[in-house]
Amino acid sequence: DKQVTYQPLYFTAFARADKRVDNFGEGDQGGPLNGAFFQNIAS
């Protein structure tokens, strides 16, 4: 039981069935990332 690897578990999410914002793009890469603060992150 000796620790050999460690990683913080950062997670925050919000139930928002009526406000879901979907991204664009197709396929596995899915195009640019979109959030509320930052959008169209493709560079």
ModelCIF file with pLDDT and N, C-alpha, C, O atoms, coordinates in Angstrom:
data_MODEL
#
_entry.id   MODEL 
#
_entity.id                         1 
_entity.type                       polymer 
_entity.pdbx_number_of_molecules   1 
#
_entity_poly.entity_id                      1 
_entity_poly.type                           'polypeptide(L)' 
_entity_poly.nstd_linkage                   no 
_entity_poly.nstd_monomer                   no 
_entity_poly.pdbx_seq_one_letter_code       DKQVTYQPLYFTAFARADKRVDNFGEGDQGGPLNGAFFQNIAS 
_entity_poly.pdbx_seq_one_letter_code_can   DKQVTYQPLYFTAFARADKRVDNFGEGDQGGPLNGAFFQNIAS 
_entity_poly.pdbx_strand_id                 A 
#
loop_
_entity_poly_seq.entity_id 
_entity_poly_seq.num 
_entity_poly_seq.mon_id 
_entity_poly_seq.hetero 
1 1  ASP n 
1 2  LYS n 
1 3  GLN n 
1 4  VAL n 
1 5  THR n 
1 6  TYR n 
1 7  GLN n 
1 8  PRO n 
1 9  LEU n 
1 10 TYR n 
1 11 PHE n 
1 12 THR n 
1 13 ALA n 
1 14 PHE n 
1 15 ALA n 
1 16 ARG n 
1 17 ALA n 
1 18 ASP n 
1 19 LYS n 
1 20 ARG n 
1 21 VAL n 
1 22 ASP n 
1 23 ASN n 
1 24 PHE n 
1 25 GLY n 
1 26 GLU n 
1 27 GLY n 
1 28 ASP n 
1 29 GLN n 
1 30 GLY n 
1 31 GLY n 
1 32 PRO n 
1 33 LEU n 
1 34 ASN n 
1 35 GLY n 
1 36 ALA n 
1 37 PHE n 
1 38 PHE n 
1 39 GLN n 
1 40 ASN n 
1 41 ILE n 
1 42 ALA n 
1 43 SER n 
#
_struct_asym.id          A 
_struct_asym.entity_id   1 
#
loop_
_ma_qa_metric.id 
_ma_qa_metric.mode 
_ma_qa_metric.name 
_ma_qa_metric.software_group_id 
_ma_qa_metric.type 
1 global pLDDT . pLDDT 
2 local  pLDDT . pLDDT 
#
_ma_qa_metric_global.metric_id      1 
_ma_qa_metric_global.metric_value   63.42 
_ma_qa_metric_global.model_id       1 
_ma_qa_metric_global.ordinal_id     1 
#
loop_
_ma_qa_metric_local.label_asym_id 
_ma_qa_metric_local.label_comp_id 
_ma_qa_metric_local.label_seq_id 
_ma_qa_metric_local.metric_id 
_ma_qa_metric_local.metric_value 
_ma_qa_metric_local.model_id 
_ma_qa_metric_local.ordinal_id 
A ASP 1  2 48.00 1 1  
A LYS 2  2 48.00 1 2  
A GLN 3  2 50.00 1 3  
A VAL 4  2 50.00 1 4  
A THR 5  2 67.00 1 5  
A TYR 6  2 75.00 1 6  
A GLN 7  2 82.00 1 7  
A PRO 8  2 86.00 1 8  
A LEU 9  2 89.00 1 9  
A TYR 10 2 88.00 1 10 
A PHE 11 2 90.00 1 11 
A THR 12 2 90.00 1 12 
A ALA 13 2 88.00 1 13 
A PHE 14 2 86.00 1 14 
A ALA 15 2 86.00 1 15 
A ARG 16 2 73.00 1 16 
A ALA 17 2 57.00 1 17 
A ASP 18 2 47.00 1 18 
A LYS 19 2 48.00 1 19 
A ARG 20 2 39.00 1 20 
A VAL 21 2 37.00 1 21 
A ASP 22 2 36.00 1 22 
A ASN 23 2 33.00 1 23 
A PHE 24 2 26.00 1 24 
A GLY 25 2 28.00 1 25 
A GLU 26 2 31.00 1 26 
A GLY 27 2 31.00 1 27 
A ASP 28 2 34.00 1 28 
A GLN 29 2 36.00 1 29 
A GLY 30 2 39.00 1 30 
A GLY 31 2 48.00 1 31 
A PRO 32 2 59.00 1 32 
A LEU 33 2 61.00 1 33 
A ASN 34 2 63.00 1 34 
A GLY 35 2 70.00 1 35 
A ALA 36 2 76.00 1 36 
A PHE 37 2 90.00 1 37 
A PHE 38 2 91.00 1 38 
A GLN 39 2 87.00 1 39 
A ASN 40 2 86.00 1 40 
A ILE 41 2 91.00 1 41 
A ALA 42 2 92.00 1 42 
A SER 43 2 95.00 1 43 
#
loop_
_atom_site.group_PDB 
_atom_site.id 
_atom_site.type_symbol 
_atom_site.label_atom_id 
_atom_site.label_alt_id 
_atom_site.label_comp_id 
_atom_site.label_asym_id 
_atom_site.label_entity_id 
_atom_site.label_seq_id 
_atom_site.pdbx_PDB_ins_code 
_atom_site.Cartn_x 
_atom_site.Cartn_y 
_atom_site.Cartn_z 
_atom_site.occupancy 
_atom_site.B_iso_or_equiv 
_atom_site.pdbx_formal_charge 
_atom_site.auth_seq_id 
_atom_site.auth_comp_id 
_atom_site.auth_asym_id 
_atom_site.auth_atom_id 
_atom_site.pdbx_PDB_model_num 
ATOM 1   N N  . ASP A 1 1  ? 0.810   -1.222 0.000   1.00 48.00 ? 1  ASP A N  1 
ATOM 2   C CA . ASP A 1 1  ? 0.000   0.000  0.000   1.00 48.00 ? 1  ASP A CA 1 
ATOM 3   C C  . ASP A 1 1  ? 0.841   1.268  0.000   1.00 48.00 ? 1  ASP A C  1 
ATOM 4   O O  . ASP A 1 1  ? 0.392   2.307  0.484   1.00 48.00 ? 1  ASP A O  1 
ATOM 5   N N  . LYS A 1 2  ? 2.061   1.196  -0.539  1.00 48.00 ? 2  LYS A N  1 
ATOM 6   C CA . LYS A 1 2  ? 2.877   2.408  -0.653  1.00 48.00 ? 2  LYS A CA 1 
ATOM 7   C C  . LYS A 1 2  ? 2.469   3.187  -1.899  1.00 48.00 ? 2  LYS A C  1 
ATOM 8   O O  . LYS A 1 2  ? 2.293   2.617  -2.976  1.00 48.00 ? 2  LYS A O  1 
ATOM 9   N N  . GLN A 1 3  ? 2.327   4.474  -1.736  1.00 50.00 ? 3  GLN A N  1 
ATOM 10  C CA . GLN A 1 3  ? 1.893   5.320  -2.838  1.00 50.00 ? 3  GLN A CA 1 
ATOM 11  C C  . GLN A 1 3  ? 3.010   5.448  -3.873  1.00 50.00 ? 3  GLN A C  1 
ATOM 12  O O  . GLN A 1 3  ? 4.132   5.829  -3.540  1.00 50.00 ? 3  GLN A O  1 
ATOM 13  N N  . VAL A 1 4  ? 2.695   5.126  -5.139  1.00 50.00 ? 4  VAL A N  1 
ATOM 14  C CA . VAL A 1 4  ? 3.701   5.234  -6.192  1.00 50.00 ? 4  VAL A CA 1 
ATOM 15  C C  . VAL A 1 4  ? 3.382   6.367  -7.166  1.00 50.00 ? 4  VAL A C  1 
ATOM 16  O O  . VAL A 1 4  ? 4.287   6.890  -7.816  1.00 50.00 ? 4  VAL A O  1 
ATOM 17  N N  . THR A 1 5  ? 2.127   6.750  -7.276  1.00 67.00 ? 5  THR A N  1 
ATOM 18  C CA . THR A 1 5  ? 1.748   7.904  -8.080  1.00 67.00 ? 5  THR A CA 1 
ATOM 19  C C  . THR A 1 5  ? 0.606   8.624  -7.375  1.00 67.00 ? 5  THR A C  1 
ATOM 20  O O  . THR A 1 5  ? -0.122  8.029  -6.580  1.00 67.00 ? 5  THR A O  1 
ATOM 21  N N  . TYR A 1 6  ? 0.460   9.905  -7.674  1.00 75.00 ? 6  TYR A N  1 
ATOM 22  C CA . TYR A 1 6  ? -0.558  10.720 -7.014  1.00 75.00 ? 6  TYR A CA 1 
ATOM 23  C C  . TYR A 1 6  ? -1.033  11.780 -7.995  1.00 75.00 ? 6  TYR A C  1 
ATOM 24  O O  . TYR A 1 6  ? -0.239  12.320 -8.765  1.00 75.00 ? 6  TYR A O  1 
ATOM 25  N N  . GLN A 1 7  ? -2.320  12.079 -7.968  1.00 82.00 ? 7  GLN A N  1 
ATOM 26  C CA . GLN A 1 7  ? -2.850  13.138 -8.820  1.00 82.00 ? 7  GLN A CA 1 
ATOM 27  C C  . GLN A 1 7  ? -4.043  13.792 -8.139  1.00 82.00 ? 7  GLN A C  1 
ATOM 28  O O  . GLN A 1 7  ? -4.960  13.096 -7.702  1.00 82.00 ? 7  GLN A O  1 
ATOM 29  N N  . PRO A 1 8  ? -4.049  15.128 -8.041  1.00 86.00 ? 8  PRO A N  1 
ATOM 30  C CA . PRO A 1 8  ? -5.222  15.812 -7.489  1.00 86.00 ? 8  PRO A CA 1 
ATOM 31  C C  . PRO A 1 8  ? -6.449  15.555 -8.357  1.00 86.00 ? 8  PRO A C  1 
ATOM 32  O O  . PRO A 1 8  ? -6.339  15.362 -9.568  1.00 86.00 ? 8  PRO A O  1 
ATOM 33  N N  . LEU A 1 9  ? -7.609  15.557 -7.729  1.00 89.00 ? 9  LEU A N  1 
ATOM 34  C CA . LEU A 1 9  ? -8.864  15.296 -8.435  1.00 89.00 ? 9  LEU A CA 1 
ATOM 35  C C  . LEU A 1 9  ? -9.655  16.594 -8.465  1.00 89.00 ? 9  LEU A C  1 
ATOM 36  O O  . LEU A 1 9  ? -10.437 16.873 -7.556  1.00 89.00 ? 9  LEU A O  1 
ATOM 37  N N  . TYR A 1 10 ? -9.448  17.395 -9.525  1.00 88.00 ? 10 TYR A N  1 
ATOM 38  C CA . TYR A 1 10 ? -10.142 18.663 -9.674  1.00 88.00 ? 10 TYR A CA 1 
ATOM 39  C C  . TYR A 1 10 ? -11.443 18.431 -10.436 1.00 88.00 ? 10 TYR A C  1 
ATOM 40  O O  . TYR A 1 10 ? -11.431 17.915 -11.553 1.00 88.00 ? 10 TYR A O  1 
ATOM 41  N N  . PHE A 1 11 ? -12.564 18.814 -9.827  1.00 90.00 ? 11 PHE A N  1 
ATOM 42  C CA . PHE A 1 11 ? -13.836 18.625 -10.537 1.00 90.00 ? 11 PHE A CA 1 
ATOM 43  C C  . PHE A 1 11 ? -14.888 19.591 -10.001 1.00 90.00 ? 11 PHE A C  1 
ATOM 44  O O  . PHE A 1 11 ? -15.091 19.693 -8.791  1.00 90.00 ? 11 PHE A O  1 
ATOM 45  N N  . THR A 1 12 ? -15.550 20.294 -10.909 1.00 90.00 ? 12 THR A N  1 
ATOM 46  C CA . THR A 1 12 ? -16.707 21.116 -10.609 1.00 90.00 ? 12 THR A CA 1 
ATOM 47  C C  . THR A 1 12 ? -17.645 21.032 -11.800 1.00 90.00 ? 12 THR A C  1 
ATOM 48  O O  . THR A 1 12 ? -17.220 21.253 -12.934 1.00 90.00 ? 12 THR A O  1 
ATOM 49  N N  . ALA A 1 13 ? -18.907 20.718 -11.565 1.00 88.00 ? 13 ALA A N  1 
ATOM 50  C CA . ALA A 1 13 ? -19.882 20.633 -12.656 1.00 88.00 ? 13 ALA A CA 1 
ATOM 51  C C  . ALA A 1 13 ? -21.242 21.056 -12.129 1.00 88.00 ? 13 ALA A C  1 
ATOM 52  O O  . ALA A 1 13 ? -21.494 21.038 -10.924 1.00 88.00 ? 13 ALA A O  1 
ATOM 53  N N  . PHE A 1 14 ? -22.116 21.438 -13.056 1.00 86.00 ? 14 PHE A N  1 
ATOM 54  C CA . PHE A 1 14 ? -23.395 22.034 -12.682 1.00 86.00 ? 14 PHE A CA 1 
ATOM 55  C C  . PHE A 1 14 ? -24.514 21.428 -13.513 1.00 86.00 ? 14 PHE A C  1 
ATOM 56  O O  . PHE A 1 14 ? -24.423 21.371 -14.739 1.00 86.00 ? 14 PHE A O  1 
ATOM 57  N N  . ALA A 1 15 ? -25.580 20.972 -12.840 1.00 86.00 ? 15 ALA A N  1 
ATOM 58  C CA . ALA A 1 15 ? -26.748 20.435 -13.539 1.00 86.00 ? 15 ALA A CA 1 
ATOM 59  C C  . ALA A 1 15 ? -27.425 21.553 -14.309 1.00 86.00 ? 15 ALA A C  1 
ATOM 60  O O  . ALA A 1 15 ? -27.846 22.552 -13.726 1.00 86.00 ? 15 ALA A O  1 
ATOM 61  N N  . ARG A 1 16 ? -27.526 21.385 -15.603 1.00 73.00 ? 16 ARG A N  1 
ATOM 62  C CA . ARG A 1 16 ? -27.986 22.498 -16.433 1.00 73.00 ? 16 ARG A CA 1 
ATOM 63  C C  . ARG A 1 16 ? -28.690 21.986 -17.699 1.00 73.00 ? 16 ARG A C  1 
ATOM 64  O O  . ARG A 1 16 ? -28.367 22.401 -18.812 1.00 73.00 ? 16 ARG A O  1 
ATOM 65  N N  . ALA A 1 17 ? -29.643 21.092 -17.511 1.00 57.00 ? 17 ALA A N  1 
ATOM 66  C CA . ALA A 1 17 ? -30.306 20.481 -18.663 1.00 57.00 ? 17 ALA A CA 1 
ATOM 67  C C  . ALA A 1 17 ? -30.941 21.520 -19.576 1.00 57.00 ? 17 ALA A C  1 
ATOM 68  O O  . ALA A 1 17 ? -31.030 21.322 -20.788 1.00 57.00 ? 17 ALA A O  1 
ATOM 69  N N  . ASP A 1 18 ? -31.390 22.649 -18.977 1.00 47.00 ? 18 ASP A N  1 
ATOM 70  C CA . ASP A 1 18 ? -32.073 23.654 -19.791 1.00 47.00 ? 18 ASP A CA 1 
ATOM 71  C C  . ASP A 1 18 ? -31.135 24.685 -20.375 1.00 47.00 ? 18 ASP A C  1 
ATOM 72  O O  . ASP A 1 18 ? -31.584 25.563 -21.110 1.00 47.00 ? 18 ASP A O  1 
ATOM 73  N N  . LYS A 1 19 ? -29.830 24.613 -20.073 1.00 48.00 ? 19 LYS A N  1 
ATOM 74  C CA . LYS A 1 19 ? -28.902 25.649 -20.527 1.00 48.00 ? 19 LYS A CA 1 
ATOM 75  C C  . LYS A 1 19 ? -27.673 25.054 -21.195 1.00 48.00 ? 19 LYS A C  1 
ATOM 76  O O  . LYS A 1 19 ? -26.640 25.716 -21.291 1.00 48.00 ? 19 LYS A O  1 
ATOM 77  N N  . ARG A 1 20 ? -27.769 23.830 -21.651 1.00 39.00 ? 20 ARG A N  1 
ATOM 78  C CA . ARG A 1 20 ? -26.580 23.167 -22.178 1.00 39.00 ? 20 ARG A CA 1 
ATOM 79  C C  . ARG A 1 20 ? -26.055 23.894 -23.407 1.00 39.00 ? 20 ARG A C  1 
ATOM 80  O O  . ARG A 1 20 ? -26.813 24.216 -24.322 1.00 39.00 ? 20 ARG A O  1 
ATOM 81  N N  . VAL A 1 21 ? -24.748 24.150 -23.419 1.00 37.00 ? 21 VAL A N  1 
ATOM 82  C CA . VAL A 1 21 ? -24.101 24.806 -24.545 1.00 37.00 ? 21 VAL A CA 1 
ATOM 83  C C  . VAL A 1 21 ? -23.224 23.780 -25.244 1.00 37.00 ? 21 VAL A C  1 
ATOM 84  O O  . VAL A 1 21 ? -22.277 23.259 -24.656 1.00 37.00 ? 21 VAL A O  1 
ATOM 85  N N  . ASP A 1 22 ? -23.536 23.496 -26.484 1.00 36.00 ? 22 ASP A N  1 
ATOM 86  C CA . ASP A 1 22 ? -22.811 22.449 -27.189 1.00 36.00 ? 22 ASP A CA 1 
ATOM 87  C C  . ASP A 1 22 ? -21.725 23.038 -28.063 1.00 36.00 ? 22 ASP A C  1 
ATOM 88  O O  . ASP A 1 22 ? -21.819 24.175 -28.524 1.00 36.00 ? 22 ASP A O  1 
ATOM 89  N N  . ASN A 1 23 ? -20.700 22.247 -28.280 1.00 33.00 ? 23 ASN A N  1 
ATOM 90  C CA . ASN A 1 23 ? -19.589 22.667 -29.118 1.00 33.00 ? 23 ASN A CA 1 
ATOM 91  C C  . ASN A 1 23 ? -19.811 22.262 -30.567 1.00 33.00 ? 23 ASN A C  1 
ATOM 92  O O  . ASN A 1 23 ? -20.740 21.531 -30.909 1.00 33.00 ? 23 ASN A O  1 
ATOM 93  N N  . PHE A 1 24 ? -18.924 22.766 -31.390 1.00 26.00 ? 24 PHE A N  1 
ATOM 94  C CA . PHE A 1 24 ? -18.987 22.457 -32.801 1.00 26.00 ? 24 PHE A CA 1 
ATOM 95  C C  . PHE A 1 24 ? -17.961 21.373 -33.118 1.00 26.00 ? 24 PHE A C  1 
ATOM 96  O O  . PHE A 1 24 ? -17.224 20.919 -32.242 1.00 26.00 ? 24 PHE A O  1 
ATOM 97  N N  . GLY A 1 25 ? -17.929 20.973 -34.373 1.00 28.00 ? 25 GLY A N  1 
ATOM 98  C CA . GLY A 1 25 ? -16.899 20.045 -34.806 1.00 28.00 ? 25 GLY A CA 1 
ATOM 99  C C  . GLY A 1 25 ? -17.426 18.633 -34.881 1.00 28.00 ? 25 GLY A C  1 
ATOM 100 O O  . GLY A 1 25 ? -18.428 18.293 -34.251 1.00 28.00 ? 25 GLY A O  1 
ATOM 101 N N  . GLU A 1 26 ? -16.753 17.829 -35.642 1.00 31.00 ? 26 GLU A N  1 
ATOM 102 C CA . GLU A 1 26 ? -17.145 16.441 -35.809 1.00 31.00 ? 26 GLU A CA 1 
ATOM 103 C C  . GLU A 1 26 ? -15.920 15.572 -35.646 1.00 31.00 ? 26 GLU A C  1 
ATOM 104 O O  . GLU A 1 26 ? -14.784 16.035 -35.753 1.00 31.00 ? 26 GLU A O  1 
ATOM 105 N N  . GLY A 1 27 ? -16.176 14.290 -35.382 1.00 31.00 ? 27 GLY A N  1 
ATOM 106 C CA . GLY A 1 27 ? -15.078 13.358 -35.251 1.00 31.00 ? 27 GLY A CA 1 
ATOM 107 C C  . GLY A 1 27 ? -14.473 13.396 -33.868 1.00 31.00 ? 27 GLY A C  1 
ATOM 108 O O  . GLY A 1 27 ? -14.971 14.092 -32.983 1.00 31.00 ? 27 GLY A O  1 
ATOM 109 N N  . ASP A 1 28 ? -13.392 12.644 -33.676 1.00 34.00 ? 28 ASP A N  1 
ATOM 110 C CA . ASP A 1 28 ? -12.812 12.479 -32.352 1.00 34.00 ? 28 ASP A CA 1 
ATOM 111 C C  . ASP A 1 28 ? -12.214 13.767 -31.808 1.00 34.00 ? 28 ASP A C  1 
ATOM 112 O O  . ASP A 1 28 ? -12.221 13.976 -30.595 1.00 34.00 ? 28 ASP A O  1 
ATOM 113 N N  . GLN A 1 29 ? -11.701 14.628 -32.661 1.00 36.00 ? 29 GLN A N  1 
ATOM 114 C CA . GLN A 1 29 ? -11.066 15.847 -32.181 1.00 36.00 ? 29 GLN A CA 1 
ATOM 115 C C  . GLN A 1 29 ? -12.092 16.934 -31.871 1.00 36.00 ? 29 GLN A C  1 
ATOM 116 O O  . GLN A 1 29 ? -11.863 17.770 -30.997 1.00 36.00 ? 29 GLN A O  1 
ATOM 117 N N  . GLY A 1 30 ? -13.216 16.929 -32.577 1.00 39.00 ? 30 GLY A N  1 
ATOM 118 C CA . GLY A 1 30 ? -14.345 17.740 -32.198 1.00 39.00 ? 30 GLY A CA 1 
ATOM 119 C C  . GLY A 1 30 ? -14.234 19.232 -32.418 1.00 39.00 ? 30 GLY A C  1 
ATOM 120 O O  . GLY A 1 30 ? -15.146 19.957 -32.020 1.00 39.00 ? 30 GLY A O  1 
ATOM 121 N N  . GLY A 1 31 ? -13.173 19.739 -33.028 1.00 48.00 ? 31 GLY A N  1 
ATOM 122 C CA . GLY A 1 31 ? -13.106 21.166 -33.263 1.00 48.00 ? 31 GLY A CA 1 
ATOM 123 C C  . GLY A 1 31 ? -12.709 21.928 -32.010 1.00 48.00 ? 31 GLY A C  1 
ATOM 124 O O  . GLY A 1 31 ? -12.137 21.354 -31.083 1.00 48.00 ? 31 GLY A O  1 
ATOM 125 N N  . PRO A 1 32 ? -13.012 23.231 -31.982 1.00 59.00 ? 32 PRO A N  1 
ATOM 126 C CA . PRO A 1 32 ? -12.531 24.077 -30.893 1.00 59.00 ? 32 PRO A CA 1 
ATOM 127 C C  . PRO A 1 32 ? -13.242 23.812 -29.587 1.00 59.00 ? 32 PRO A C  1 
ATOM 128 O O  . PRO A 1 32 ? -14.388 23.362 -29.561 1.00 59.00 ? 32 PRO A O  1 
ATOM 129 N N  . LEU A 1 33 ? -12.533 24.104 -28.484 1.00 61.00 ? 33 LEU A N  1 
ATOM 130 C CA . LEU A 1 33 ? -13.140 24.042 -27.167 1.00 61.00 ? 33 LEU A CA 1 
ATOM 131 C C  . LEU A 1 33 ? -13.968 25.293 -26.921 1.00 61.00 ? 33 LEU A C  1 
ATOM 132 O O  . LEU A 1 33 ? -13.610 26.381 -27.369 1.00 61.00 ? 33 LEU A O  1 
ATOM 133 N N  . ASN A 1 34 ? -15.070 25.134 -26.210 1.00 63.00 ? 34 ASN A N  1 
ATOM 134 C CA . ASN A 1 34 ? -15.922 26.259 -25.865 1.00 63.00 ? 34 ASN A CA 1 
ATOM 135 C C  . ASN A 1 34 ? -16.328 26.176 -24.404 1.00 63.00 ? 34 ASN A C  1 
ATOM 136 O O  . ASN A 1 34 ? -16.679 25.104 -23.911 1.00 63.00 ? 34 ASN A O  1 
ATOM 137 N N  . GLY A 1 35 ? -16.282 27.296 -23.717 1.00 70.00 ? 35 GLY A N  1 
ATOM 138 C CA . GLY A 1 35 ? -16.814 27.407 -22.377 1.00 70.00 ? 35 GLY A CA 1 
ATOM 139 C C  . GLY A 1 35 ? -17.573 28.710 -22.283 1.00 70.00 ? 35 GLY A C  1 
ATOM 140 O O  . GLY A 1 35 ? -18.001 29.251 -23.302 1.00 70.00 ? 35 GLY A O  1 
ATOM 141 N N  . ALA A 1 36 ? -17.747 29.221 -21.086 1.00 76.00 ? 36 ALA A N  1 
ATOM 142 C CA . ALA A 1 36 ? -18.392 30.518 -20.924 1.00 76.00 ? 36 ALA A CA 1 
ATOM 143 C C  . ALA A 1 36 ? -17.368 31.630 -20.921 1.00 76.00 ? 36 ALA A C  1 
ATOM 144 O O  . ALA A 1 36 ? -17.604 32.695 -21.491 1.00 76.00 ? 36 ALA A O  1 
ATOM 145 N N  . PHE A 1 37 ? -16.234 31.396 -20.286 1.00 90.00 ? 37 PHE A N  1 
ATOM 146 C CA . PHE A 1 37 ? -15.193 32.415 -20.234 1.00 90.00 ? 37 PHE A CA 1 
ATOM 147 C C  . PHE A 1 37 ? -14.391 32.481 -21.527 1.00 90.00 ? 37 PHE A C  1 
ATOM 148 O O  . PHE A 1 37 ? -14.024 33.564 -21.982 1.00 90.00 ? 37 PHE A O  1 
ATOM 149 N N  . PHE A 1 38 ? -14.119 31.314 -22.119 1.00 91.00 ? 38 PHE A N  1 
ATOM 150 C CA . PHE A 1 38 ? -13.264 31.254 -23.300 1.00 91.00 ? 38 PHE A CA 1 
ATOM 151 C C  . PHE A 1 38 ? -13.927 30.385 -24.364 1.00 91.00 ? 38 PHE A C  1 
ATOM 152 O O  . PHE A 1 38 ? -14.455 29.315 -24.065 1.00 91.00 ? 38 PHE A O  1 
ATOM 153 N N  . GLN A 1 39 ? -13.893 30.859 -25.616 1.00 87.00 ? 39 GLN A N  1 
ATOM 154 C CA . GLN A 1 39 ? -14.543 30.130 -26.695 1.00 87.00 ? 39 GLN A CA 1 
ATOM 155 C C  . GLN A 1 39 ? -13.620 30.014 -27.904 1.00 87.00 ? 39 GLN A C  1 
ATOM 156 O O  . GLN A 1 39 ? -12.672 30.780 -28.077 1.00 87.00 ? 39 GLN A O  1 
ATOM 157 N N  . ASN A 1 40 ? -13.942 29.018 -28.733 1.00 86.00 ? 40 ASN A N  1 
ATOM 158 C CA . ASN A 1 40 ? -13.228 28.805 -30.003 1.00 86.00 ? 40 ASN A CA 1 
ATOM 159 C C  . ASN A 1 40 ? -11.728 28.636 -29.792 1.00 86.00 ? 40 ASN A C  1 
ATOM 160 O O  . ASN A 1 40 ? -10.918 29.254 -30.484 1.00 86.00 ? 40 ASN A O  1 
ATOM 161 N N  . ILE A 1 41 ? -11.372 27.800 -28.838 1.00 91.00 ? 41 ILE A N  1 
ATOM 162 C CA . ILE A 1 41 ? -9.956  27.562 -28.561 1.00 91.00 ? 41 ILE A CA 1 
ATOM 163 C C  . ILE A 1 41 ? -9.454  26.504 -29.535 1.00 91.00 ? 41 ILE A C  1 
ATOM 164 O O  . ILE A 1 41 ? -9.654  25.306 -29.332 1.00 91.00 ? 41 ILE A O  1 
ATOM 165 N N  . ALA A 1 42 ? -8.810  26.961 -30.579 1.00 92.00 ? 42 ALA A N  1 
ATOM 166 C CA . ALA A 1 42 ? -8.342  26.042 -31.618 1.00 92.00 ? 42 ALA A CA 1 
ATOM 167 C C  . ALA A 1 42 ? -6.862  26.219 -31.920 1.00 92.00 ? 42 ALA A C  1 
ATOM 168 O O  . ALA A 1 42 ? -6.282  25.405 -32.638 1.00 92.00 ? 42 ALA A O  1 
ATOM 169 N N  . SER A 1 43 ? -6.244  27.256 -31.391 1.00 95.00 ? 43 SER A N  1 
ATOM 170 C CA . SER A 1 43 ? -4.848  27.544 -31.695 1.00 95.00 ? 43 SER A CA 1 
ATOM 171 C C  . SER A 1 43 ? -3.917  26.530 -31.035 1.00 95.00 ? 43 SER A C  1 
ATOM 172 O O  . SER A 1 43 ? -2.699  26.621 -31.185 1.00 95.00 ? 43 SER A O  1 
#
